[in-house]
Amino acid sequence: MTPQEMERNIAFIVEQQAKFSADIDRINETLAKHNEAIGGLLQISRTLLDHHTAAEAQMTEIRTEMKEIARAQKSTDQRLNVLIDVFEKHISGHDHGGPSSA
C-alpha cells in the first residue's frame, strides 16, 4: 500500500468516525427527549391512576348511599301504602253511610 492510499484510508476512517460520532450525538439527544417524554407520560399515568382510585372510592360511597336510599324508599312506600289503605277505608266508610256520616 502506497503512502497516498494509506492517507486516503486514514482520512476515510477519520471521516467515518466523525459521522458516527455525530450520529451518536443525535441519537443521545433523541434518547434524552424520549426519556423526558416517558417521564411525562409516567406522571400522567400516575395522575390518572390517582383520579381513578378516587373515582372508585366515590362510586363505592355512592353505591352504598343508593342502597340506603332504596331501603328508605321501600320503607316509605310501605308506610304510604298503609296510609292510603287507612284513607281509603275512611273514605269508603263515609260514602256508604258508615258511623262517621251520621
C-alpha atoms as a PDB file:
ATOM      1  CA  MET A   1       0.000   0.000   0.000  1.00  0.00           C
ATOM      2  CA  THR A   2       1.356   3.347  -1.020  1.00  0.00           C
ATOM      3  CA  PRO A   3       1.555   6.264   1.385  1.00  0.00           C
ATOM      4  CA  GLN A   4      -1.223   8.031  -0.595  1.00  0.00           C
ATOM      5  CA  GLU A   5      -3.549   5.013  -0.276  1.00  0.00           C
ATOM      6  CA  MET A   6      -2.739   4.816   3.409  1.00  0.00           C
ATOM      7  CA  GLU A   7      -3.528   8.525   3.777  1.00  0.00           C
ATOM      8  CA  ARG A   8      -6.853   8.107   1.920  1.00  0.00           C
ATOM      9  CA  ASN A   9      -7.756   5.146   4.110  1.00  0.00           C
ATOM     10  CA  ILE A  10      -6.902   7.066   7.259  1.00  0.00           C
ATOM     11  CA  ALA A  11      -8.911  10.084   6.011  1.00  0.00           C
ATOM     12  CA  PHE A  12     -11.847   7.791   5.229  1.00  0.00           C
ATOM     13  CA  ILE A  13     -11.689   6.199   8.680  1.00  0.00           C
ATOM     14  CA  VAL A  14     -11.460   9.617  10.363  1.00  0.00           C
ATOM     15  CA  GLU A  15     -14.422  10.863   8.297  1.00  0.00           C
ATOM     16  CA  GLN A  16     -16.471   7.796   9.164  1.00  0.00           C
ATOM     17  CA  GLN A  17     -15.577   8.179  12.827  1.00  0.00           C
ATOM     18  CA  ALA A  18     -16.733  11.803  12.712  1.00  0.00           C
ATOM     19  CA  LYS A  19     -20.033  10.742  11.116  1.00  0.00           C
ATOM     20  CA  PHE A  20     -20.506   8.009  13.715  1.00  0.00           C
ATOM     21  CA  SER A  21     -19.784  10.484  16.476  1.00  0.00           C
ATOM     22  CA  ALA A  22     -22.327  12.956  15.062  1.00  0.00           C
ATOM     23  CA  ASP A  23     -24.882  10.149  14.693  1.00  0.00           C
ATOM     24  CA  ILE A  24     -24.304   9.049  18.282  1.00  0.00           C
ATOM     25  CA  ASP A  25     -24.776  12.643  19.480  1.00  0.00           C
ATOM     26  CA  ARG A  26     -28.098  12.879  17.602  1.00  0.00           C
ATOM     27  CA  ILE A  27     -29.185   9.519  18.989  1.00  0.00           C
ATOM     28  CA  ASN A  28     -28.286  10.651  22.512  1.00  0.00           C
ATOM     29  CA  GLU A  29     -30.290  13.869  22.055  1.00  0.00           C
ATOM     30  CA  THR A  30     -33.262  11.893  20.770  1.00  0.00           C
ATOM     31  CA  LEU A  31     -32.931   9.443  23.635  1.00  0.00           C
ATOM     32  CA  ALA A  32     -32.881  12.296  26.150  1.00  0.00           C
ATOM     33  CA  LYS A  33     -36.057  13.746  24.587  1.00  0.00           C
ATOM     34  CA  HIS A  34     -37.723  10.334  24.657  1.00  0.00           C
ATOM     35  CA  ASN A  35     -36.725   9.830  28.295  1.00  0.00           C
ATOM     36  CA  GLU A  36     -38.216  13.213  29.164  1.00  0.00           C
ATOM     37  CA  ALA A  37     -41.410  12.356  27.271  1.00  0.00           C
ATOM     38  CA  ILE A  38     -41.626   8.978  29.006  1.00  0.00           C
ATOM     39  CA  GLY A  39     -41.213  10.720  32.362  1.00  0.00           C
ATOM     40  CA  GLY A  40     -44.119  12.994  31.466  1.00  0.00           C
ATOM     41  CA  LEU A  41     -46.234  10.019  30.432  1.00  0.00           C
ATOM     42  CA  LEU A  42     -45.438   8.252  33.696  1.00  0.00           C
ATOM     43  CA  GLN A  43     -46.507  11.334  35.628  1.00  0.00           C
ATOM     44  CA  ILE A  44     -49.751  11.494  33.643  1.00  0.00           C
ATOM     45  CA  SER A  45     -50.310   7.772  34.263  1.00  0.00           C
ATOM     46  CA  ARG A  46     -49.837   8.237  37.999  1.00  0.00           C
ATOM     47  CA  THR A  47     -52.247  11.174  37.994  1.00  0.00           C
ATOM     48  CA  LEU A  48     -54.831   9.148  36.068  1.00  0.00           C
ATOM     49  CA  LEU A  49     -54.408   6.244  38.461  1.00  0.00           C
ATOM     50  CA  ASP A  50     -54.888   8.554  41.448  1.00  0.00           C
ATOM     51  CA  HIS A  51     -58.025  10.022  39.885  1.00  0.00           C
ATOM     52  CA  HIS A  52     -59.314   6.556  39.014  1.00  0.00           C
ATOM     53  CA  THR A  53     -58.741   5.386  42.577  1.00  0.00           C
ATOM     54  CA  ALA A  54     -60.565   8.442  43.931  1.00  0.00           C
ATOM     55  CA  ALA A  55     -63.432   7.912  41.484  1.00  0.00           C
ATOM     56  CA  GLU A  56     -63.716   4.257  42.505  1.00  0.00           C
ATOM     57  CA  ALA A  57     -63.912   5.288  46.164  1.00  0.00           C
ATOM     58  CA  GLN A  58     -66.618   7.816  45.332  1.00  0.00           C
ATOM     59  CA  MET A  59     -68.535   5.236  43.306  1.00  0.00           C
ATOM     60  CA  THR A  60     -68.388   2.799  46.226  1.00  0.00           C
ATOM     61  CA  GLU A  61     -69.736   5.505  48.518  1.00  0.00           C
ATOM     62  CA  ILE A  62     -72.479   6.371  46.015  1.00  0.00           C
ATOM     63  CA  ARG A  63     -73.471   2.693  45.697  1.00  0.00           C
ATOM     64  CA  THR A  64     -73.748   2.427  49.478  1.00  0.00           C
ATOM     65  CA  GLU A  65     -75.831   5.589  49.661  1.00  0.00           C
ATOM     66  CA  MET A  66     -78.053   4.402  46.808  1.00  0.00           C
ATOM     67  CA  LYS A  67     -78.708   1.143  48.669  1.00  0.00           C
ATOM     68  CA  GLU A  68     -79.628   3.133  51.762  1.00  0.00           C
ATOM     69  CA  ILE A  69     -81.938   5.353  49.703  1.00  0.00           C
ATOM     70  CA  ALA A  70     -83.563   2.280  48.137  1.00  0.00           C
ATOM     71  CA  ARG A  71     -84.189   0.788  51.608  1.00  0.00           C
ATOM     72  CA  ALA A  72     -85.617   4.080  52.834  1.00  0.00           C
ATOM     73  CA  GLN A  73     -87.794   4.340  49.716  1.00  0.00           C
ATOM     74  CA  LYS A  74     -89.125   0.825  50.278  1.00  0.00           C
ATOM     75  CA  SER A  75     -89.987   1.710  53.891  1.00  0.00           C
ATOM     76  CA  THR A  76     -91.624   4.945  52.748  1.00  0.00           C
ATOM     77  CA  ASP A  77     -93.634   3.057  50.119  1.00  0.00           C
ATOM     78  CA  GLN A  78     -94.856   0.601  52.752  1.00  0.00           C
ATOM     79  CA  ARG A  79     -95.842   3.390  55.136  1.00  0.00           C
ATOM     80  CA  LEU A  80     -97.542   5.304  52.327  1.00  0.00           C
ATOM     81  CA  ASN A  81     -99.481   2.184  51.338  1.00  0.00           C
ATOM     82  CA  VAL A  82    -100.670   1.801  54.936  1.00  0.00           C
ATOM     83  CA  LEU A  83    -101.745   5.461  54.956  1.00  0.00           C
ATOM     84  CA  ILE A  84    -103.544   5.044  51.630  1.00  0.00           C
ATOM     85  CA  ASP A  85    -105.358   1.973  52.977  1.00  0.00           C
ATOM     86  CA  VAL A  86    -106.438   3.900  56.074  1.00  0.00           C
ATOM     87  CA  PHE A  87    -107.568   6.825  53.972  1.00  0.00           C
ATOM     88  CA  GLU A  88    -109.472   4.594  51.532  1.00  0.00           C
ATOM     89  CA  LYS A  89    -111.211   2.839  54.421  1.00  0.00           C
ATOM     90  CA  HIS A  90    -112.089   6.204  55.905  1.00  0.00           C
ATOM     91  CA  ILE A  91    -113.460   7.482  52.591  1.00  0.00           C
ATOM     92  CA  SER A  92    -115.399   4.312  51.836  1.00  0.00           C
ATOM     93  CA  GLY A  93    -116.884   4.443  55.323  1.00  0.00           C
ATOM     94  CA  HIS A  94    -118.205   7.941  54.577  1.00  0.00           C
ATOM     95  CA  ASP A  95    -119.523   7.000  51.122  1.00  0.00           C
ATOM     96  CA  HIS A  96    -121.501   4.052  52.479  1.00  0.00           C
ATOM     97  CA  GLY A  97    -123.123   5.838  55.345  1.00  0.00           C
ATOM     98  CA  GLY A  98    -120.757   4.472  57.914  1.00  0.00           C
ATOM     99  CA  PRO A  99    -120.551   5.608  61.522  1.00  0.00           C
ATOM    100  CA  SER A 100    -118.842   8.892  60.666  1.00  0.00           C
ATOM    101  CA  SER A 101    -121.596  10.157  58.357  1.00  0.00           C
ATOM    102  CA  ALA A 102    -124.378  10.220  60.923  1.00  0.00           C
END
